[in-house]
Amino acid sequence: MKDAYCTSGSSPGSMCTEPDFLLSDEGSIFLLQPLTPAAVSWIEENISDDHMTFGSAVVVEHRFIADIVRGAIADGLAVRG
């Protein structure tokens, strides 16, 4: 579904970029959901092989999420939460 602000051109461009990841705070953990092939590849290259998943989302403890999100953004990926 397209955002009306993005399609009308009246919203800042960064908010209209389709995210590579969707981040959700579930209380005691975060879920990092890859939405693009680039995000899936990034997880394979940057998250340990023994990570826990919930569906296709990576389960991340609070103490690690900031570094993971910063790393993804530094590598040019968009994270929306």
PDB file of N, CA and C in Angstrom:
ATOM      1  N   MET A   1       0.843  -1.177   0.000  1.00  0.00           N
ATOM      2  CA  MET A   1       0.000   0.000   0.000  1.00  0.00           C
ATOM      3  C   MET A   1       0.885   1.236   0.000  1.00  0.00           C
ATOM      4  N   LYS A   2       0.644   2.166  -0.880  1.00  0.00           N
ATOM      5  CA  LYS A   2       1.426   3.383  -1.006  1.00  0.00           C
ATOM      6  C   LYS A   2       0.956   4.424   0.006  1.00  0.00           C
ATOM      7  N   ASP A   3       1.922   5.200   0.518  1.00  0.00           N
ATOM      8  CA  ASP A   3       1.641   6.293   1.429  1.00  0.00           C
ATOM      9  C   ASP A   3       1.250   7.514   0.599  1.00  0.00           C
ATOM     10  N   ALA A   4       0.110   8.132   0.879  1.00  0.00           N
ATOM     11  CA  ALA A   4      -0.366   9.272   0.101  1.00  0.00           C
ATOM     12  C   ALA A   4       0.599  10.441   0.163  1.00  0.00           C
ATOM     13  N   TYR A   5       1.245  10.658   1.294  1.00  0.00           N
ATOM     14  CA  TYR A   5       2.210  11.756   1.401  1.00  0.00           C
ATOM     15  C   TYR A   5       3.401  11.518   0.483  1.00  0.00           C
ATOM     16  N   CYS A   6       3.857  10.273   0.377  1.00  0.00           N
ATOM     17  CA  CYS A   6       5.003   9.957  -0.473  1.00  0.00           C
ATOM     18  C   CYS A   6       4.651  10.120  -1.942  1.00  0.00           C
ATOM     19  N   THR A   7       3.467   9.659  -2.340  1.00  0.00           N
ATOM     20  CA  THR A   7       3.106   9.730  -3.754  1.00  0.00           C
ATOM     21  C   THR A   7       2.762  11.146  -4.175  1.00  0.00           C
ATOM     22  N   SER A   8       2.355  12.006  -3.229  1.00  0.00           N
ATOM     23  CA  SER A   8       2.020  13.380  -3.590  1.00  0.00           C
ATOM     24  C   SER A   8       3.253  14.267  -3.651  1.00  0.00           C
ATOM     25  N   GLY A   9       4.366  13.799  -3.092  1.00  0.00           N
ATOM     26  CA  GLY A   9       5.586  14.588  -3.105  1.00  0.00           C
ATOM     27  C   GLY A   9       5.663  15.608  -1.990  1.00  0.00           C
ATOM     28  N   SER A  10       4.747  15.552  -1.012  1.00  0.00           N
ATOM     29  CA  SER A  10       4.735  16.546   0.059  1.00  0.00           C
ATOM     30  C   SER A  10       5.400  16.052   1.343  1.00  0.00           C
ATOM     31  N   SER A  11       6.042  14.904   1.293  1.00  0.00           N
ATOM     32  CA  SER A  11       6.695  14.352   2.464  1.00  0.00           C
ATOM     33  C   SER A  11       8.189  14.243   2.204  1.00  0.00           C
ATOM     34  N   PRO A  12       9.005  14.378   3.263  1.00  0.00           N
ATOM     35  CA  PRO A  12      10.454  14.241   3.062  1.00  0.00           C
ATOM     36  C   PRO A  12      10.798  12.892   2.454  1.00  0.00           C
ATOM     37  N   GLY A  13      11.780  12.861   1.567  1.00  0.00           N
ATOM     38  CA  GLY A  13      12.143  11.647   0.845  1.00  0.00           C
ATOM     39  C   GLY A  13      12.539  10.494   1.729  1.00  0.00           C
ATOM     40  N   SER A  14      13.247  10.749   2.827  1.00  0.00           N
ATOM     41  CA  SER A  14      13.718   9.655   3.670  1.00  0.00           C
ATOM     42  C   SER A  14      12.570   8.867   4.278  1.00  0.00           C
ATOM     43  N   MET A  15      11.451   9.509   4.517  1.00  0.00           N
ATOM     44  CA  MET A  15      10.302   8.807   5.089  1.00  0.00           C
ATOM     45  C   MET A  15       9.575   7.984   4.022  1.00  0.00           C
ATOM     46  N   CYS A  16       9.871   8.241   2.756  1.00  0.00           N
ATOM     47  CA  CYS A  16       9.175   7.562   1.681  1.00  0.00           C
ATOM     48  C   CYS A  16       9.965   6.390   1.130  1.00  0.00           C
ATOM     49  N   THR A  17      11.157   6.193   1.605  1.00  0.00           N
ATOM     50  CA  THR A  17      11.965   5.066   1.173  1.00  0.00           C
ATOM     51  C   THR A  17      11.355   3.784   1.726  1.00  0.00           C
ATOM     52  N   GLU A  18      11.191   2.807   0.860  1.00  0.00           N
ATOM     53  CA  GLU A  18      10.695   1.520   1.328  1.00  0.00           C
ATOM     54  C   GLU A  18      11.740   0.927   2.268  1.00  0.00           C
ATOM     55  N   PRO A  19      11.346   0.486   3.444  1.00  0.00           N
ATOM     56  CA  PRO A  19      12.335  -0.046   4.387  1.00  0.00           C
ATOM     57  C   PRO A  19      12.843  -1.421   3.974  1.00  0.00           C
ATOM     58  N   ASP A  20      14.069  -1.696   4.373  1.00  0.00           N
ATOM     59  CA  ASP A  20      14.634  -3.028   4.196  1.00  0.00           C
ATOM     60  C   ASP A  20      14.270  -3.914   5.372  1.00  0.00           C
ATOM     61  N   PHE A  21      14.125  -3.277   6.549  1.00  0.00           N
ATOM     62  CA  PHE A  21      13.769  -3.992   7.775  1.00  0.00           C
ATOM     63  C   PHE A  21      12.606  -3.308   8.449  1.00  0.00           C
ATOM     64  N   LEU A  22      11.776  -4.100   9.096  1.00  0.00           N
ATOM     65  CA  LEU A  22      10.753  -3.587   9.995  1.00  0.00           C
ATOM     66  C   LEU A  22      11.154  -4.027  11.394  1.00  0.00           C
ATOM     67  N   LEU A  23      11.270  -3.077  12.306  1.00  0.00           N
ATOM     68  CA  LEU A  23      11.682  -3.347  13.674  1.00  0.00           C
ATOM     69  C   LEU A  23      10.489  -3.187  14.594  1.00  0.00           C
ATOM     70  N   SER A  24      10.236  -4.193  15.425  1.00  0.00           N
ATOM     71  CA  SER A  24       9.135  -4.080  16.381  1.00  0.00           C
ATOM     72  C   SER A  24       9.611  -4.449  17.774  1.00  0.00           C
ATOM     73  N   ASP A  25       9.248  -3.590  18.716  1.00  0.00           N
ATOM     74  CA  ASP A  25       9.580  -3.779  20.131  1.00  0.00           C
ATOM     75  C   ASP A  25       8.466  -4.612  20.752  1.00  0.00           C
ATOM     76  N   GLU A  26       8.812  -5.816  21.178  1.00  0.00           N
ATOM     77  CA  GLU A  26       7.815  -6.724  21.738  1.00  0.00           C
ATOM     78  C   GLU A  26       7.927  -6.843  23.253  1.00  0.00           C
ATOM     79  N   GLY A  27       8.523  -5.838  23.889  1.00  0.00           N
ATOM     80  CA  GLY A  27       8.648  -5.848  25.346  1.00  0.00           C
ATOM     81  C   GLY A  27      10.003  -6.337  25.784  1.00  0.00           C
ATOM     82  N   SER A  28      10.152  -7.628  25.938  1.00  0.00           N
ATOM     83  CA  SER A  28      11.429  -8.177  26.412  1.00  0.00           C
ATOM     84  C   SER A  28      12.409  -8.461  25.271  1.00  0.00           C
ATOM     85  N   ILE A  29      11.919  -8.421  24.030  1.00  0.00           N
ATOM     86  CA  ILE A  29      12.775  -8.652  22.862  1.00  0.00           C
ATOM     87  C   ILE A  29      12.337  -7.732  21.723  1.00  0.00           C
ATOM     88  N   PHE A  30      13.206  -7.619  20.708  1.00  0.00           N
ATOM     89  CA  PHE A  30      12.860  -6.940  19.470  1.00  0.00           C
ATOM     90  C   PHE A  30      12.779  -7.986  18.370  1.00  0.00           C
ATOM     91  N   LEU A  31      11.928  -7.730  17.377  1.00  0.00           N
ATOM     92  CA  LEU A  31      11.869  -8.546  16.172  1.00  0.00           C
ATOM     93  C   LEU A  31      12.358  -7.694  15.019  1.00  0.00           C
ATOM     94  N   LEU A  32      13.353  -8.205  14.300  1.00  0.00           N
ATOM     95  CA  LEU A  32      13.915  -7.521  13.145  1.00  0.00           C
ATOM     96  C   LEU A  32      13.510  -8.312  11.909  1.00  0.00           C
ATOM     97  N   GLN A  33      12.518  -7.791  11.198  1.00  0.00           N
ATOM     98  CA  GLN A  33      11.919  -8.478  10.054  1.00  0.00           C
ATOM     99  C   GLN A  33      12.556  -7.997   8.751  1.00  0.00           C
ATOM    100  N   PRO A  34      13.257  -8.872   8.030  1.00  0.00           N
ATOM    101  CA  PRO A  34      13.794  -8.466   6.730  1.00  0.00           C
ATOM    102  C   PRO A  34      12.663  -8.385   5.701  1.00  0.00           C
ATOM    103  N   LEU A  35      12.651  -7.305   4.924  1.00  0.00           N
ATOM    104  CA  LEU A  35      11.599  -7.103   3.931  1.00  0.00           C
ATOM    105  C   LEU A  35      12.114  -7.165   2.502  1.00  0.00           C
ATOM    106  N   THR A  36      13.433  -7.141   2.339  1.00  0.00           N
ATOM    107  CA  THR A  36      14.025  -7.135   0.999  1.00  0.00           C
ATOM    108  C   THR A  36      15.111  -8.201   0.909  1.00  0.00           C
ATOM    109  N   PRO A  37      15.459  -8.606  -0.302  1.00  0.00           N
ATOM    110  CA  PRO A  37      16.579  -9.542  -0.458  1.00  0.00           C
ATOM    111  C   PRO A  37      17.883  -8.989   0.129  1.00  0.00           C
ATOM    112  N   ALA A  38      18.084  -7.675   0.037  1.00  0.00           N
ATOM    113  CA  ALA A  38      19.290  -7.065   0.615  1.00  0.00           C
ATOM    114  C   ALA A  38      19.313  -7.254   2.131  1.00  0.00           C
ATOM    115  N   ALA A  39      18.167  -7.157   2.778  1.00  0.00           N
ATOM    116  CA  ALA A  39      18.086  -7.346   4.228  1.00  0.00           C
ATOM    117  C   ALA A  39      18.369  -8.798   4.607  1.00  0.00           C
ATOM    118  N   VAL A  40      17.852  -9.730   3.835  1.00  0.00           N
ATOM    119  CA  VAL A  40      18.111 -11.147   4.093  1.00  0.00           C
ATOM    120  C   VAL A  40      19.610 -11.427   3.971  1.00  0.00           C
ATOM    121  N   SER A  41      20.238 -10.884   2.936  1.00  0.00           N
ATOM    122  CA  SER A  41      21.681 -11.063   2.751  1.00  0.00           C
ATOM    123  C   SER A  41      22.461 -10.437   3.899  1.00  0.00           C
ATOM    124  N   TRP A  42      22.026  -9.257   4.340  1.00  0.00           N
ATOM    125  CA  TRP A  42      22.714  -8.577   5.438  1.00  0.00           C
ATOM    126  C   TRP A  42      22.672  -9.433   6.704  1.00  0.00           C
ATOM    127  N   ILE A  43      21.527 -10.026   6.984  1.00  0.00           N
ATOM    128  CA  ILE A  43      21.407 -10.900   8.158  1.00  0.00           C
ATOM    129  C   ILE A  43      22.367 -12.075   8.034  1.00  0.00           C
ATOM    130  N   GLU A  44      22.402 -12.694   6.864  1.00  0.00           N
ATOM    131  CA  GLU A  44      23.297 -13.841   6.652  1.00  0.00           C
ATOM    132  C   GLU A  44      24.761 -13.474   6.861  1.00  0.00           C
ATOM    133  N   GLU A  45      25.131 -12.252   6.502  1.00  0.00           N
ATOM    134  CA  GLU A  45      26.520 -11.811   6.603  1.00  0.00           C
ATOM    135  C   GLU A  45      26.893 -11.225   7.967  1.00  0.00           C
ATOM    136  N   ASN A  46      25.902 -10.741   8.726  1.00  0.00           N
ATOM    137  CA  ASN A  46      26.214  -9.961   9.928  1.00  0.00           C
ATOM    138  C   ASN A  46      25.654 -10.494  11.245  1.00  0.00           C
ATOM    139  N   ILE A  47      24.737 -11.422  11.179  1.00  0.00           N
ATOM    140  CA  ILE A  47      24.146 -11.985  12.400  1.00  0.00           C
ATOM    141  C   ILE A  47      24.615 -13.432  12.513  1.00  0.00           C
ATOM    142  N   SER A  48      24.975 -13.844  13.719  1.00  0.00           N
ATOM    143  CA  SER A  48      25.505 -15.202  13.899  1.00  0.00           C
ATOM    144  C   SER A  48      24.503 -16.254  13.433  1.00  0.00           C
ATOM    145  N   ASP A  49      25.053 -17.369  12.975  1.00  0.00           N
ATOM    146  CA  ASP A  49      24.221 -18.446  12.429  1.00  0.00           C
ATOM    147  C   ASP A  49      23.287 -19.074  13.457  1.00  0.00           C
ATOM    148  N   ASP A  50      23.601 -18.922  14.727  1.00  0.00           N
ATOM    149  CA  ASP A  50      22.768 -19.542  15.756  1.00  0.00           C
ATOM    150  C   ASP A  50      21.689 -18.597  16.305  1.00  0.00           C
ATOM    151  N   HIS A  51      21.350 -17.554  15.527  1.00  0.00           N
ATOM    152  CA  HIS A  51      20.339 -16.614  16.003  1.00  0.00           C
ATOM    153  C   HIS A  51      18.960 -17.279  16.058  1.00  0.00           C
ATOM    154  N   MET A  52      18.125 -16.756  16.925  1.00  0.00           N
ATOM    155  CA  MET A  52      16.768 -17.257  17.077  1.00  0.00           C
ATOM    156  C   MET A  52      15.854 -16.482  16.132  1.00  0.00           C
ATOM    157  N   THR A  53      14.881 -17.166  15.572  1.00  0.00           N
ATOM    158  CA  THR A  53      13.917 -16.512  14.698  1.00  0.00           C
ATOM    159  C   THR A  53      12.499 -16.723  15.210  1.00  0.00           C
ATOM    160  N   PHE A  54      11.638 -15.841  14.780  1.00  0.00           N
ATOM    161  CA  PHE A  54      10.205 -15.970  15.006  1.00  0.00           C
ATOM    162  C   PHE A  54       9.577 -15.704  13.645  1.00  0.00           C
ATOM    163  N   GLY A  55       9.165 -16.757  12.970  1.00  0.00           N
ATOM    164  CA  GLY A  55       8.793 -16.628  11.567  1.00  0.00           C
ATOM    165  C   GLY A  55      10.065 -16.322  10.799  1.00  0.00           C
ATOM    166  N   SER A  56      10.048 -15.283   9.998  1.00  0.00           N
ATOM    167  CA  SER A  56      11.269 -14.892   9.285  1.00  0.00           C
ATOM    168  C   SER A  56      12.004 -13.751   9.980  1.00  0.00           C
ATOM    169  N   ALA A  57      11.485 -13.289  11.118  1.00  0.00           N
ATOM    170  CA  ALA A  57      12.125 -12.211  11.870  1.00  0.00           C
ATOM    171  C   ALA A  57      13.215 -12.761  12.783  1.00  0.00           C
ATOM    172  N   VAL A  58      14.254 -11.961  12.964  1.00  0.00           N
ATOM    173  CA  VAL A  58      15.327 -12.297  13.893  1.00  0.00           C
ATOM    174  C   VAL A  58      14.930 -11.768  15.267  1.00  0.00           C
ATOM    175  N   VAL A  59      15.049 -12.597  16.280  1.00  0.00           N
ATOM    176  CA  VAL A  59      14.771 -12.205  17.659  1.00  0.00           C
ATOM    177  C   VAL A  59      16.054 -11.602  18.238  1.00  0.00           C
ATOM    178  N   VAL A  60      15.949 -10.381  18.769  1.00  0.00           N
ATOM    179  CA  VAL A  60      17.126  -9.667  19.257  1.00  0.00           C
ATOM    180  C   VAL A  60      16.871  -9.146  20.666  1.00  0.00           C
ATOM    181  N   GLU A  61      17.831  -9.379  21.553  1.00  0.00           N
ATOM    182  CA  GLU A  61      17.749  -8.840  22.914  1.00  0.00           C
ATOM    183  C   GLU A  61      17.987  -7.337  22.886  1.00  0.00           C
ATOM    184  N   HIS A  62      17.436  -6.648  23.885  1.00  0.00           N
ATOM    185  CA  HIS A  62      17.567  -5.192  23.985  1.00  0.00           C
ATOM    186  C   HIS A  62      19.019  -4.737  23.946  1.00  0.00           C
ATOM    187  N   ARG A  63      19.903  -5.456  24.595  1.00  0.00           N
ATOM    188  CA  ARG A  63      21.295  -5.016  24.691  1.00  0.00           C
ATOM    189  C   ARG A  63      22.029  -5.042  23.352  1.00  0.00           C
ATOM    190  N   PHE A  64      21.498  -5.715  22.346  1.00  0.00           N
ATOM    191  CA  PHE A  64      22.161  -5.807  21.046  1.00  0.00           C
ATOM    192  C   PHE A  64      21.499  -4.991  19.932  1.00  0.00           C
ATOM    193  N   ILE A  65      20.255  -4.586  20.111  1.00  0.00           N
ATOM    194  CA  ILE A  65      19.493  -4.028  18.991  1.00  0.00           C
ATOM    195  C   ILE A  65      20.075  -2.721  18.455  1.00  0.00           C
ATOM    196  N   ALA A  66      20.559  -1.853  19.322  1.00  0.00           N
ATOM    197  CA  ALA A  66      21.079  -0.560  18.850  1.00  0.00           C
ATOM    198  C   ALA A  66      22.266  -0.756  17.919  1.00  0.00           C
ATOM    199  N   ASP A  67      23.193  -1.627  18.285  1.00  0.00           N
ATOM    200  CA  ASP A  67      24.364  -1.877  17.438  1.00  0.00           C
ATOM    201  C   ASP A  67      23.965  -2.523  16.115  1.00  0.00           C
ATOM    202  N   ILE A  68      22.999  -3.421  16.153  1.00  0.00           N
ATOM    203  CA  ILE A  68      22.553  -4.085  14.926  1.00  0.00           C
ATOM    204  C   ILE A  68      21.900  -3.085  13.981  1.00  0.00           C
ATOM    205  N   VAL A  69      21.027  -2.248  14.503  1.00  0.00           N
ATOM    206  CA  VAL A  69      20.352  -1.249  13.671  1.00  0.00           C
ATOM    207  C   VAL A  69      21.367  -0.250  13.119  1.00  0.00           C
ATOM    208  N   ARG A  70      22.289   0.210  13.963  1.00  0.00           N
ATOM    209  CA  ARG A  70      23.330   1.139  13.481  1.00  0.00           C
ATOM    210  C   ARG A  70      24.144   0.498  12.360  1.00  0.00           C
ATOM    211  N   GLY A  71      24.481  -0.778  12.505  1.00  0.00           N
ATOM    212  CA  GLY A  71      25.245  -1.475  11.476  1.00  0.00           C
ATOM    213  C   GLY A  71      24.491  -1.573  10.166  1.00  0.00           C
ATOM    214  N   ALA A  72      23.215  -1.902  10.235  1.00  0.00           N
ATOM    215  CA  ALA A  72      22.405  -2.007   9.017  1.00  0.00           C
ATOM    216  C   ALA A  72      22.304  -0.651   8.321  1.00  0.00           C
ATOM    217  N   ILE A  73      22.076   0.392   9.093  1.00  0.00           N
ATOM    218  CA  ILE A  73      21.966   1.735   8.518  1.00  0.00           C
ATOM    219  C   ILE A  73      23.300   2.168   7.915  1.00  0.00           C
ATOM    220  N   ALA A  74      24.392   1.888   8.623  1.00  0.00           N
ATOM    221  CA  ALA A  74      25.727   2.228   8.112  1.00  0.00           C
ATOM    222  C   ALA A  74      26.009   1.522   6.789  1.00  0.00           C
ATOM    223  N   ASP A  75      25.413   0.371   6.591  1.00  0.00           N
ATOM    224  CA  ASP A  75      25.607  -0.376   5.342  1.00  0.00           C
ATOM    225  C   ASP A  75      24.588   0.020   4.268  1.00  0.00           C
ATOM    226  N   GLY A  76      23.821   1.071   4.536  1.00  0.00           N
ATOM    227  CA  GLY A  76      22.928   1.618   3.522  1.00  0.00           C
ATOM    228  C   GLY A  76      21.511   1.065   3.513  1.00  0.00           C
ATOM    229  N   LEU A  77      21.146   0.316   4.539  1.00  0.00           N
ATOM    230  CA  LEU A  77      19.800  -0.248   4.600  1.00  0.00           C
ATOM    231  C   LEU A  77      18.884   0.647   5.421  1.00  0.00           C
ATOM    232  N   ALA A  78      17.615   0.622   5.090  1.00  0.00           N
ATOM    233  CA  ALA A  78      16.617   1.424   5.804  1.00  0.00           C
ATOM    234  C   ALA A  78      15.885   0.546   6.809  1.00  0.00           C
ATOM    235  N   VAL A  79      15.763   1.059   8.039  1.00  0.00           N
ATOM    236  CA  VAL A  79      15.077   0.344   9.112  1.00  0.00           C
ATOM    237  C   VAL A  79      13.921   1.222   9.570  1.00  0.00           C
ATOM    238  N   ARG A  80      12.743   0.648   9.602  1.00  0.00           N
ATOM    239  CA  ARG A  80      11.568   1.380  10.067  1.00  0.00           C
ATOM    240  C   ARG A  80      10.988   0.650  11.264  1.00  0.00           C
ATOM    241  N   GLY A  81      10.616   1.392  12.274  1.00  0.00           N
ATOM    242  CA  GLY A  81      10.080   0.764  13.474  1.00  0.00           C
ATOM    243  C   GLY A  81       8.887   1.460  14.016  1.00  0.00           C
TER     244      GLY A  81
END
